[in-house]
Amino acid sequence: MVLSCHIISKLLPYHGKQALTLLKSVDSTYEMAEDIWQVLAKAKYLDWEKHSTERLWRMESLKSVSPWTCREACETALQEHHFLTGTLEEDSNRSDNEYSEQIKLLSEVFSQATVADTPTDVPDYLCCQITFEIFRDPVITPSGVTYERAVLVEHLHKVGNFDPVTREPLKEHQLVPNLAIKEAVQAYLKEHSWAHKLN
């Protein structure tokens, strides 16, 4: 299935999610749903990558402003602040200390701004124990272990009717959607769009 990521990213908020939900309910093999999920994930990742690059470029251009220009701007702002608050002092030590504090604060802001765009490892509780990929349709077994539905169903059909980790007997009708993990994954992906990148 070949779909344009650009088209999918435009239709994503409305039609992509609905199509994926409908396909999951109709197609028990999840082949087509898996294809759509991969295209949606790729589109979301490309969208994040584009915006992340733009944000990084803007921050780097701000950082490249000469220290003297930044110092002059800080000193002017401090003088205006002192004038407005009636605490205008000519004490250069105080001005230097305030400038240093402002520069330190600005550095912290830059550091915190880049944290959200820095890919890290996805937490283990959001990943399937078989594939080690982030959950798409998590299900929980009676033994309390959560797996990706398509992978576990394939295991049950090809290998046997038992839990792959605990080895306890398991039938497909015993699988229950793990809505808590599904919501946690969606919240994580909303905050960390880079995690849509496929392995």
N, C-alpha and C. Protein backbone atom coordinates (compact mmCIF):
# COMPACT_ATOMS: atom_id res chain seq x y z
N MET A 1 0.85 -1.17 0.00
CA MET A 1 0.00 0.00 0.00
C MET A 1 0.89 1.23 0.00
N VAL A 2 0.76 2.04 -1.03
CA VAL A 2 1.58 3.24 -1.14
C VAL A 2 0.67 4.45 -0.99
N LEU A 3 0.90 5.23 0.06
CA LEU A 3 0.14 6.44 0.30
C LEU A 3 1.10 7.59 0.50
N SER A 4 0.70 8.75 0.05
CA SER A 4 1.55 9.92 0.22
C SER A 4 1.49 10.40 1.66
N CYS A 5 2.66 10.54 2.27
CA CYS A 5 2.71 11.02 3.66
C CYS A 5 2.18 12.44 3.77
N HIS A 6 2.40 13.22 2.72
CA HIS A 6 1.91 14.60 2.74
C HIS A 6 0.38 14.63 2.78
N ILE A 7 -0.25 13.80 1.95
CA ILE A 7 -1.71 13.74 1.93
C ILE A 7 -2.23 13.22 3.26
N ILE A 8 -1.60 12.15 3.75
CA ILE A 8 -2.02 11.57 5.02
C ILE A 8 -1.91 12.58 6.15
N SER A 9 -0.82 13.35 6.18
CA SER A 9 -0.66 14.32 7.27
C SER A 9 -1.73 15.39 7.23
N LYS A 10 -2.24 15.73 6.04
CA LYS A 10 -3.32 16.71 5.94
C LYS A 10 -4.65 16.11 6.40
N LEU A 11 -4.87 14.84 6.09
CA LEU A 11 -6.13 14.18 6.45
C LEU A 11 -6.08 13.54 7.83
N LEU A 12 -4.91 13.49 8.42
CA LEU A 12 -4.69 12.79 9.68
C LEU A 12 -5.68 13.12 10.78
N PRO A 13 -5.92 14.39 11.09
CA PRO A 13 -6.80 14.66 12.23
C PRO A 13 -8.22 14.12 12.06
N TYR A 14 -8.68 13.98 10.83
CA TYR A 14 -10.07 13.60 10.63
C TYR A 14 -10.22 12.17 10.14
N HIS A 15 -9.69 11.87 8.99
CA HIS A 15 -9.99 10.61 8.34
C HIS A 15 -9.04 9.48 8.71
N GLY A 16 -7.77 9.78 8.95
CA GLY A 16 -6.78 8.74 9.22
C GLY A 16 -7.10 7.94 10.47
N LYS A 17 -7.43 8.61 11.55
CA LYS A 17 -7.72 7.92 12.81
C LYS A 17 -9.02 7.12 12.70
N GLN A 18 -10.02 7.68 12.02
CA GLN A 18 -11.29 6.96 11.86
C GLN A 18 -11.10 5.72 11.00
N ALA A 19 -10.33 5.84 9.92
CA ALA A 19 -10.08 4.69 9.05
C ALA A 19 -9.36 3.59 9.81
N LEU A 20 -8.39 3.97 10.61
CA LEU A 20 -7.64 2.99 11.39
C LEU A 20 -8.55 2.27 12.38
N THR A 21 -9.42 2.99 13.06
CA THR A 21 -10.35 2.40 14.01
C THR A 21 -11.32 1.44 13.31
N LEU A 22 -11.87 1.86 12.18
CA LEU A 22 -12.79 1.01 11.43
C LEU A 22 -12.10 -0.25 10.93
N LEU A 23 -10.90 -0.12 10.42
CA LEU A 23 -10.19 -1.30 9.92
C LEU A 23 -9.88 -2.28 11.04
N LYS A 24 -9.57 -1.79 12.21
CA LYS A 24 -9.28 -2.68 13.32
C LYS A 24 -10.52 -3.47 13.72
N SER A 25 -11.68 -2.83 13.63
CA SER A 25 -12.90 -3.52 14.04
C SER A 25 -13.37 -4.52 12.99
N VAL A 26 -13.02 -4.31 11.72
CA VAL A 26 -13.48 -5.18 10.64
C VAL A 26 -12.47 -6.28 10.34
N ASP A 27 -11.21 -5.94 10.23
CA ASP A 27 -10.19 -6.87 9.78
C ASP A 27 -9.46 -7.49 10.96
N SER A 28 -9.64 -8.78 11.16
CA SER A 28 -9.02 -9.42 12.31
C SER A 28 -7.52 -9.66 12.11
N THR A 29 -7.04 -9.60 10.89
CA THR A 29 -5.61 -9.84 10.66
C THR A 29 -4.79 -8.58 10.83
N TYR A 30 -5.42 -7.45 10.80
CA TYR A 30 -4.76 -6.16 11.03
C TYR A 30 -3.72 -5.79 9.97
N GLU A 31 -3.67 -6.51 8.86
CA GLU A 31 -2.64 -6.20 7.86
C GLU A 31 -2.82 -4.80 7.29
N MET A 32 -4.04 -4.49 6.88
CA MET A 32 -4.28 -3.17 6.30
C MET A 32 -4.18 -2.09 7.38
N ALA A 33 -4.68 -2.39 8.56
CA ALA A 33 -4.59 -1.43 9.67
C ALA A 33 -3.12 -1.16 10.00
N GLU A 34 -2.31 -2.19 9.94
CA GLU A 34 -0.87 -2.01 10.22
C GLU A 34 -0.23 -1.11 9.17
N ASP A 35 -0.60 -1.29 7.89
CA ASP A 35 -0.07 -0.43 6.82
C ASP A 35 -0.47 1.02 7.05
N ILE A 36 -1.73 1.23 7.39
CA ILE A 36 -2.20 2.60 7.63
C ILE A 36 -1.49 3.19 8.84
N TRP A 37 -1.34 2.40 9.91
CA TRP A 37 -0.65 2.91 11.10
C TRP A 37 0.77 3.33 10.75
N GLN A 38 1.45 2.52 9.96
CA GLN A 38 2.83 2.85 9.60
C GLN A 38 2.90 4.15 8.80
N VAL A 39 1.94 4.34 7.88
CA VAL A 39 1.93 5.58 7.10
C VAL A 39 1.61 6.77 8.00
N LEU A 40 0.64 6.60 8.90
CA LEU A 40 0.30 7.68 9.83
C LEU A 40 1.48 8.01 10.73
N ALA A 41 2.14 6.99 11.24
CA ALA A 41 3.30 7.22 12.11
C ALA A 41 4.41 7.94 11.36
N LYS A 42 4.63 7.53 10.11
CA LYS A 42 5.67 8.19 9.32
C LYS A 42 5.32 9.64 9.06
N ALA A 43 4.04 9.91 8.76
CA ALA A 43 3.60 11.29 8.52
C ALA A 43 3.77 12.14 9.78
N LYS A 44 3.40 11.59 10.93
CA LYS A 44 3.55 12.34 12.18
C LYS A 44 5.02 12.58 12.49
N TYR A 45 5.86 11.58 12.24
CA TYR A 45 7.28 11.75 12.50
C TYR A 45 7.87 12.81 11.57
N LEU A 46 7.51 12.78 10.29
CA LEU A 46 8.03 13.78 9.35
C LEU A 46 7.57 15.18 9.73
N ASP A 47 6.33 15.28 10.21
CA ASP A 47 5.81 16.57 10.66
C ASP A 47 6.61 17.06 11.87
N TRP A 48 6.86 16.16 12.83
CA TRP A 48 7.67 16.54 13.99
C TRP A 48 9.07 16.95 13.56
N GLU A 49 9.66 16.17 12.66
CA GLU A 49 11.03 16.46 12.22
C GLU A 49 11.12 17.84 11.58
N LYS A 50 10.13 18.18 10.77
CA LYS A 50 10.11 19.50 10.12
C LYS A 50 10.03 20.62 11.16
N HIS A 51 9.07 20.49 12.08
CA HIS A 51 8.89 21.53 13.10
C HIS A 51 10.08 21.59 14.06
N SER A 52 10.63 20.45 14.39
CA SER A 52 11.78 20.40 15.29
C SER A 52 12.99 21.09 14.66
N THR A 53 13.20 20.85 13.38
CA THR A 53 14.31 21.49 12.68
C THR A 53 14.13 23.00 12.65
N GLU A 54 12.89 23.44 12.41
CA GLU A 54 12.62 24.88 12.40
C GLU A 54 12.87 25.50 13.78
N ARG A 55 12.39 24.83 14.84
CA ARG A 55 12.61 25.34 16.20
C ARG A 55 14.09 25.39 16.53
N LEU A 56 14.81 24.34 16.17
CA LEU A 56 16.24 24.30 16.44
C LEU A 56 16.97 25.41 15.70
N TRP A 57 16.60 25.64 14.45
CA TRP A 57 17.23 26.70 13.67
C TRP A 57 16.97 28.07 14.31
N ARG A 58 15.73 28.30 14.75
CA ARG A 58 15.41 29.58 15.39
C ARG A 58 16.19 29.76 16.69
N MET A 59 16.30 28.71 17.49
CA MET A 59 17.05 28.81 18.74
C MET A 59 18.53 29.05 18.48
N GLU A 60 19.08 28.37 17.49
CA GLU A 60 20.49 28.57 17.17
C GLU A 60 20.74 29.98 16.67
N SER A 61 19.79 30.53 15.90
CA SER A 61 19.98 31.90 15.42
C SER A 61 19.90 32.89 16.59
N LEU A 62 19.07 32.58 17.59
CA LEU A 62 19.04 33.43 18.79
C LEU A 62 20.33 33.31 19.58
N LYS A 63 20.85 32.09 19.67
CA LYS A 63 22.10 31.89 20.41
C LYS A 63 23.27 32.58 19.73
N SER A 64 23.20 32.70 18.41
CA SER A 64 24.34 33.27 17.67
C SER A 64 24.42 34.79 17.79
N VAL A 65 23.43 35.41 18.42
CA VAL A 65 23.50 36.85 18.64
C VAL A 65 24.72 37.11 19.52
N SER A 66 25.50 38.11 19.16
CA SER A 66 26.75 38.35 19.87
C SER A 66 26.48 38.65 21.35
N PRO A 67 27.39 38.22 22.22
CA PRO A 67 27.22 38.47 23.65
C PRO A 67 27.11 39.96 23.98
N TRP A 68 27.79 40.79 23.20
CA TRP A 68 27.73 42.23 23.47
C TRP A 68 26.34 42.77 23.19
N THR A 69 25.73 42.31 22.11
CA THR A 69 24.37 42.75 21.79
C THR A 69 23.43 42.30 22.90
N CYS A 70 23.60 41.06 23.34
CA CYS A 70 22.76 40.53 24.41
C CYS A 70 23.00 41.31 25.71
N ARG A 71 24.25 41.60 26.01
CA ARG A 71 24.58 42.35 27.23
C ARG A 71 23.96 43.73 27.17
N GLU A 72 24.08 44.40 26.02
CA GLU A 72 23.50 45.74 25.87
C GLU A 72 21.99 45.69 26.07
N ALA A 73 21.35 44.68 25.49
CA ALA A 73 19.90 44.55 25.64
C ALA A 73 19.52 44.32 27.10
N CYS A 74 20.28 43.45 27.78
CA CYS A 74 20.01 43.19 29.20
C CYS A 74 20.22 44.44 30.04
N GLU A 75 21.31 45.16 29.78
CA GLU A 75 21.58 46.37 30.56
C GLU A 75 20.51 47.42 30.33
N THR A 76 20.09 47.58 29.08
CA THR A 76 19.03 48.55 28.78
C THR A 76 17.74 48.16 29.50
N ALA A 77 17.40 46.87 29.44
CA ALA A 77 16.19 46.40 30.10
C ALA A 77 16.28 46.60 31.61
N LEU A 78 17.45 46.33 32.19
CA LEU A 78 17.63 46.52 33.63
C LEU A 78 17.53 47.99 34.01
N GLN A 79 18.13 48.87 33.20
CA GLN A 79 18.05 50.30 33.49
C GLN A 79 16.60 50.78 33.43
N GLU A 80 15.85 50.30 32.42
CA GLU A 80 14.43 50.68 32.33
C GLU A 80 13.66 50.16 33.53
N HIS A 81 13.97 48.93 33.93
CA HIS A 81 13.31 48.34 35.09
C HIS A 81 13.61 49.16 36.35
N HIS A 82 14.87 49.52 36.55
CA HIS A 82 15.25 50.32 37.72
C HIS A 82 14.61 51.70 37.67
N PHE A 83 14.54 52.28 36.49
CA PHE A 83 13.94 53.61 36.35
C PHE A 83 12.45 53.56 36.70
N LEU A 84 11.75 52.52 36.18
CA LEU A 84 10.31 52.40 36.43
C LEU A 84 10.01 52.07 37.88
N THR A 85 10.88 51.30 38.52
CA THR A 85 10.64 50.92 39.92
C THR A 85 11.25 51.91 40.90
N GLY A 86 11.97 52.88 40.38
CA GLY A 86 12.56 53.90 41.25
C GLY A 86 13.79 53.43 41.99
N THR A 87 14.43 52.39 41.52
CA THR A 87 15.62 51.86 42.19
C THR A 87 16.85 52.03 41.32
N LEU A 88 16.89 53.11 40.57
CA LEU A 88 18.02 53.35 39.67
C LEU A 88 19.29 53.54 40.48
N GLU A 89 20.24 52.65 40.27
CA GLU A 89 21.52 52.72 40.96
C GLU A 89 22.63 52.61 39.93
N GLU A 90 23.72 53.23 40.24
CA GLU A 90 24.87 53.20 39.35
C GLU A 90 25.86 52.12 39.76
N ASP A 91 25.45 51.26 40.63
CA ASP A 91 26.36 50.23 41.13
C ASP A 91 26.63 49.21 40.02
N SER A 92 27.83 49.22 39.48
CA SER A 92 28.16 48.34 38.36
C SER A 92 28.22 46.87 38.79
N ASN A 93 28.59 46.60 40.04
CA ASN A 93 28.63 45.22 40.51
C ASN A 93 27.23 44.61 40.50
N ARG A 94 26.27 45.38 40.95
CA ARG A 94 24.89 44.89 40.96
C ARG A 94 24.43 44.65 39.54
N SER A 95 24.76 45.55 38.64
CA SER A 95 24.38 45.42 37.24
C SER A 95 25.01 44.17 36.63
N ASP A 96 26.29 43.95 36.93
CA ASP A 96 26.97 42.76 36.42
C ASP A 96 26.34 41.48 36.96
N ASN A 97 26.00 41.48 38.25
CA ASN A 97 25.37 40.30 38.85
C ASN A 97 24.01 40.03 38.22
N GLU A 98 23.23 41.07 38.03
CA GLU A 98 21.92 40.90 37.41
C GLU A 98 22.06 40.44 35.97
N TYR A 99 23.05 40.97 35.28
CA TYR A 99 23.29 40.54 33.90
C TYR A 99 23.65 39.05 33.88
N SER A 100 24.52 38.63 34.77
CA SER A 100 24.93 37.22 34.84
C SER A 100 23.74 36.33 35.14
N GLU A 101 22.88 36.77 36.05
CA GLU A 101 21.68 36.00 36.38
C GLU A 101 20.75 35.90 35.17
N GLN A 102 20.60 36.99 34.45
CA GLN A 102 19.74 36.99 33.26
C GLN A 102 20.31 36.05 32.18
N ILE A 103 21.60 36.08 31.99
CA ILE A 103 22.24 35.20 31.00
C ILE A 103 22.08 33.74 31.42
N LYS A 104 22.24 33.46 32.72
CA LYS A 104 22.07 32.10 33.22
C LYS A 104 20.63 31.63 32.99
N LEU A 105 19.67 32.50 33.28
CA LEU A 105 18.26 32.18 33.07
C LEU A 105 17.98 31.93 31.59
N LEU A 106 18.55 32.75 30.73
CA LEU A 106 18.37 32.57 29.29
C LEU A 106 18.95 31.23 28.83
N SER A 107 20.09 30.86 29.35
CA SER A 107 20.70 29.56 29.02
C SER A 107 19.81 28.41 29.46
N GLU A 108 19.21 28.53 30.65
CA GLU A 108 18.30 27.50 31.14
C GLU A 108 17.08 27.37 30.24
N VAL A 109 16.56 28.50 29.78
CA VAL A 109 15.40 28.48 28.88
C VAL A 109 15.74 27.75 27.60
N PHE A 110 16.91 28.03 27.03
CA PHE A 110 17.34 27.34 25.81
C PHE A 110 17.49 25.84 26.06
N SER A 111 18.06 25.47 27.18
CA SER A 111 18.25 24.05 27.49
C SER A 111 16.91 23.33 27.63
N GLN A 112 15.97 23.95 28.33
CA GLN A 112 14.66 23.33 28.52
C GLN A 112 13.89 23.24 27.22
N ALA A 113 14.07 24.20 26.34
CA ALA A 113 13.36 24.21 25.07
C ALA A 113 13.81 23.07 24.16
N THR A 114 15.06 22.67 24.28
CA THR A 114 15.55 21.60 23.41
C THR A 114 15.26 20.21 23.96
N VAL A 115 14.88 20.10 25.23
CA VAL A 115 14.62 18.79 25.83
C VAL A 115 13.48 18.06 25.12
N ALA A 116 12.39 18.75 24.81
CA ALA A 116 11.24 18.11 24.18
C ALA A 116 11.56 17.58 22.79
N ASP A 117 12.51 18.17 22.12
CA ASP A 117 12.87 17.74 20.77
C ASP A 117 14.01 16.74 20.74
N THR A 118 14.49 16.32 21.89
CA THR A 118 15.61 15.39 21.94
C THR A 118 15.08 13.96 22.08
N PRO A 119 15.26 13.14 21.05
CA PRO A 119 14.80 11.75 21.15
C PRO A 119 15.55 10.99 22.24
N THR A 120 14.80 10.22 23.01
CA THR A 120 15.37 9.38 24.05
C THR A 120 14.76 7.99 23.90
N ASP A 121 15.02 7.10 24.83
CA ASP A 121 14.40 5.78 24.80
C ASP A 121 12.96 5.90 25.28
N VAL A 122 12.07 5.17 24.61
CA VAL A 122 10.67 5.12 25.03
C VAL A 122 10.62 4.27 26.30
N PRO A 123 9.86 4.69 27.32
CA PRO A 123 9.78 3.90 28.56
C PRO A 123 9.31 2.47 28.28
N ASP A 124 9.87 1.52 29.00
CA ASP A 124 9.57 0.10 28.79
C ASP A 124 8.09 -0.23 28.93
N TYR A 125 7.41 0.43 29.85
CA TYR A 125 6.00 0.10 30.07
C TYR A 125 5.11 0.51 28.90
N LEU A 126 5.64 1.28 27.96
CA LEU A 126 4.88 1.67 26.76
C LEU A 126 5.25 0.81 25.55
N CYS A 127 6.08 -0.22 25.76
CA CYS A 127 6.55 -1.07 24.66
C CYS A 127 6.13 -2.52 24.87
N CYS A 128 5.87 -3.19 23.76
CA CYS A 128 5.51 -4.61 23.79
C CYS A 128 6.73 -5.43 24.20
N GLN A 129 6.50 -6.47 25.01
CA GLN A 129 7.61 -7.30 25.47
C GLN A 129 8.10 -8.27 24.40
N ILE A 130 7.35 -8.40 23.31
CA ILE A 130 7.77 -9.28 22.23
C ILE A 130 8.53 -8.49 21.17
N THR A 131 7.97 -7.39 20.71
CA THR A 131 8.57 -6.61 19.62
C THR A 131 9.47 -5.48 20.10
N PHE A 132 9.31 -5.06 21.33
CA PHE A 132 10.03 -3.91 21.91
C PHE A 132 9.71 -2.61 21.18
N GLU A 133 8.59 -2.56 20.47
CA GLU A 133 8.13 -1.35 19.81
C GLU A 133 7.01 -0.74 20.65
N ILE A 134 6.77 0.54 20.45
CA ILE A 134 5.73 1.23 21.20
C ILE A 134 4.36 0.63 20.85
N PHE A 135 3.48 0.52 21.85
CA PHE A 135 2.17 -0.08 21.65
C PHE A 135 1.32 0.72 20.68
N ARG A 136 0.53 0.01 19.89
CA ARG A 136 -0.48 0.62 19.03
C ARG A 136 -1.86 0.19 19.49
N ASP A 137 -2.01 -1.13 19.73
CA ASP A 137 -3.28 -1.69 20.19
C ASP A 137 -2.97 -2.68 21.33
N PRO A 138 -2.68 -2.17 22.52
CA PRO A 138 -2.27 -3.05 23.62
C PRO A 138 -3.43 -3.85 24.20
N VAL A 139 -3.14 -5.11 24.51
CA VAL A 139 -4.11 -5.97 25.20
C VAL A 139 -3.42 -6.57 26.41
N ILE A 140 -4.23 -6.86 27.42
CA ILE A 140 -3.69 -7.45 28.65
C ILE A 140 -4.22 -8.87 28.77
N THR A 141 -3.37 -9.77 29.24
CA THR A 141 -3.74 -11.17 29.41
C THR A 141 -4.20 -11.39 30.84
N PRO A 142 -4.85 -12.53 31.12
CA PRO A 142 -5.26 -12.81 32.50
C PRO A 142 -4.09 -12.82 33.49
N SER A 143 -2.89 -13.09 33.00
CA SER A 143 -1.72 -13.10 33.90
C SER A 143 -1.21 -11.69 34.19
N GLY A 144 -1.78 -10.67 33.52
CA GLY A 144 -1.42 -9.28 33.80
C GLY A 144 -0.34 -8.71 32.91
N VAL A 145 0.10 -9.44 31.90
CA VAL A 145 1.13 -8.96 30.98
C VAL A 145 0.46 -8.30 29.78
N THR A 146 0.99 -7.16 29.35
CA THR A 146 0.43 -6.43 28.21
C THR A 146 1.29 -6.68 26.98
N TYR A 147 0.60 -6.94 25.85
CA TYR A 147 1.25 -7.19 24.57
C TYR A 147 0.57 -6.36 23.49
N GLU A 148 1.21 -6.29 22.34
CA GLU A 148 0.59 -5.74 21.14
C GLU A 148 -0.37 -6.80 20.61
N ARG A 149 -1.62 -6.43 20.35
CA ARG A 149 -2.65 -7.40 19.97
C ARG A 149 -2.24 -8.23 18.75
N ALA A 150 -1.86 -7.59 17.66
CA ALA A 150 -1.56 -8.31 16.42
C ALA A 150 -0.44 -9.32 16.62
N VAL A 151 0.57 -8.95 17.38
CA VAL A 151 1.72 -9.84 17.62
C VAL A 151 1.30 -11.03 18.48
N LEU A 152 0.51 -10.77 19.51
CA LEU A 152 0.08 -11.85 20.39
C LEU A 152 -0.87 -12.80 19.68
N VAL A 153 -1.78 -12.26 18.88
CA VAL A 153 -2.71 -13.11 18.12
C VAL A 153 -1.93 -13.98 17.14
N GLU A 154 -0.94 -13.40 16.49
CA GLU A 154 -0.10 -14.18 15.57
C GLU A 154 0.63 -15.29 16.34
N HIS A 155 1.13 -14.99 17.52
CA HIS A 155 1.79 -16.00 18.36
C HIS A 155 0.82 -17.13 18.70
N LEU A 156 -0.41 -16.76 19.09
CA LEU A 156 -1.40 -17.78 19.46
C LEU A 156 -1.73 -18.69 18.29
N HIS A 157 -1.80 -18.14 17.08
CA HIS A 157 -2.14 -18.94 15.90
C HIS A 157 -0.97 -19.79 15.41
N LYS A 158 0.22 -19.25 15.45
CA LYS A 158 1.37 -19.95 14.86
C LYS A 158 2.13 -20.83 15.85
N VAL A 159 2.27 -20.39 17.09
CA VAL A 159 3.11 -21.11 18.05
C VAL A 159 2.28 -21.98 18.98
N GLY A 160 1.20 -21.43 19.51
CA GLY A 160 0.37 -22.20 20.41
C GLY A 160 -0.42 -21.31 21.34
N ASN A 161 -1.41 -21.89 22.01
CA ASN A 161 -2.30 -21.14 22.89
C ASN A 161 -1.71 -21.02 24.29
N PHE A 162 -0.66 -20.21 24.40
CA PHE A 162 -0.05 -19.94 25.70
C PHE A 162 0.56 -18.55 25.68
N ASP A 163 0.67 -17.97 26.88
CA ASP A 163 1.28 -16.65 27.05
C ASP A 163 2.78 -16.77 26.77
N PRO A 164 3.33 -15.95 25.87
CA PRO A 164 4.74 -16.09 25.52
C PRO A 164 5.72 -15.82 26.67
N VAL A 165 5.34 -15.06 27.66
CA VAL A 165 6.24 -14.76 28.77
C VAL A 165 6.01 -15.70 29.95
N THR A 166 4.75 -15.82 30.38
CA THR A 166 4.46 -16.64 31.57
C THR A 166 4.24 -18.11 31.25
N ARG A 167 4.00 -18.43 29.99
CA ARG A 167 3.74 -19.80 29.51
C ARG A 167 2.42 -20.37 30.04
N GLU A 168 1.56 -19.53 30.58
CA GLU A 168 0.25 -20.00 31.04
C GLU A 168 -0.66 -20.17 29.83
N PRO A 169 -1.63 -21.11 29.91
CA PRO A 169 -2.57 -21.30 28.79
C PRO A 169 -3.32 -20.00 28.51
N LEU A 170 -3.54 -19.72 27.22
CA LEU A 170 -4.17 -18.46 26.83
C LEU A 170 -4.92 -18.65 25.52
N LYS A 171 -6.15 -18.16 25.48
CA LYS A 171 -6.98 -18.17 24.26
C LYS A 171 -7.21 -16.73 23.83
N GLU A 172 -7.50 -16.55 22.55
CA GLU A 172 -7.67 -15.20 22.00
C GLU A 172 -8.84 -14.46 22.66
N HIS A 173 -9.90 -15.16 23.02
CA HIS A 173 -11.07 -14.50 23.62
C HIS A 173 -10.77 -13.95 25.03
N GLN A 174 -9.65 -14.34 25.63
CA GLN A 174 -9.28 -13.87 26.96
C GLN A 174 -8.56 -12.52 26.94
N LEU A 175 -8.21 -12.04 25.76
CA LEU A 175 -7.48 -10.77 25.64
C LEU A 175 -8.42 -9.60 25.87
N VAL A 176 -7.98 -8.67 26.69
CA VAL A 176 -8.78 -7.48 27.01
C VAL A 176 -7.97 -6.24 26.62
N PRO A 177 -8.61 -5.30 25.90
CA PRO A 177 -7.87 -4.07 25.55
C PRO A 177 -7.37 -3.37 26.80
N ASN A 178 -6.12 -2.95 26.78
CA ASN A 178 -5.53 -2.23 27.91
C ASN A 178 -5.65 -0.74 27.62
N LEU A 179 -6.78 -0.18 28.00
CA LEU A 179 -7.08 1.22 27.68
C LEU A 179 -6.19 2.20 28.43
N ALA A 180 -5.76 1.84 29.63
CA ALA A 180 -4.89 2.73 30.39
C ALA A 180 -3.54 2.91 29.68
N ILE A 181 -2.96 1.80 29.22
CA ILE A 181 -1.69 1.89 28.49
C ILE A 181 -1.89 2.59 27.16
N LYS A 182 -3.02 2.33 26.51
CA LYS A 182 -3.29 2.98 25.22
C LYS A 182 -3.35 4.50 25.39
N GLU A 183 -4.01 4.97 26.45
CA GLU A 183 -4.08 6.41 26.71
C GLU A 183 -2.70 6.96 27.07
N ALA A 184 -1.94 6.19 27.83
CA ALA A 184 -0.58 6.63 28.20
C ALA A 184 0.30 6.75 26.96
N VAL A 185 0.16 5.81 26.03
CA VAL A 185 0.93 5.86 24.78
C VAL A 185 0.53 7.09 23.97
N GLN A 186 -0.79 7.34 23.87
CA GLN A 186 -1.25 8.50 23.11
C GLN A 186 -0.75 9.80 23.73
N ALA A 187 -0.77 9.89 25.05
CA ALA A 187 -0.26 11.09 25.72
C ALA A 187 1.24 11.24 25.49
N TYR A 188 1.97 10.13 25.55
CA TYR A 188 3.41 10.17 25.33
C TYR A 188 3.73 10.61 23.90
N LEU A 189 3.00 10.05 22.93
CA LEU A 189 3.23 10.41 21.53
C LEU A 189 2.86 11.86 21.25
N LYS A 190 1.88 12.36 21.97
CA LYS A 190 1.51 13.77 21.79
C LYS A 190 2.63 14.69 22.26
N GLU A 191 3.28 14.32 23.36
CA GLU A 191 4.38 15.12 23.90
C GLU A 191 5.71 14.85 23.20
N HIS A 192 5.88 13.64 22.69
CA HIS A 192 7.15 13.22 22.08
C HIS A 192 6.89 12.65 20.69
N SER A 193 6.59 13.50 19.74
CA SER A 193 6.23 13.04 18.39
C SER A 193 7.35 12.29 17.70
N TRP A 194 8.58 12.49 18.12
CA TRP A 194 9.70 11.77 17.52
C TRP A 194 9.56 10.27 17.71
N ALA A 195 8.77 9.83 18.71
CA ALA A 195 8.62 8.40 19.00
C ALA A 195 7.80 7.68 17.94
N HIS A 196 7.22 8.42 17.00
CA HIS A 196 6.48 7.79 15.90
C HIS A 196 7.42 7.11 14.91
N LYS A 197 8.70 7.45 14.97
CA LYS A 197 9.64 6.89 14.00
C LYS A 197 9.68 5.38 14.16
N LEU A 198 9.56 4.69 13.04
CA LEU A 198 9.54 3.23 13.07
C LEU A 198 10.96 2.69 13.12
N ASN A 199 11.12 1.55 13.78
CA ASN A 199 12.45 0.91 13.85
C ASN A 199 12.82 0.31 12.52
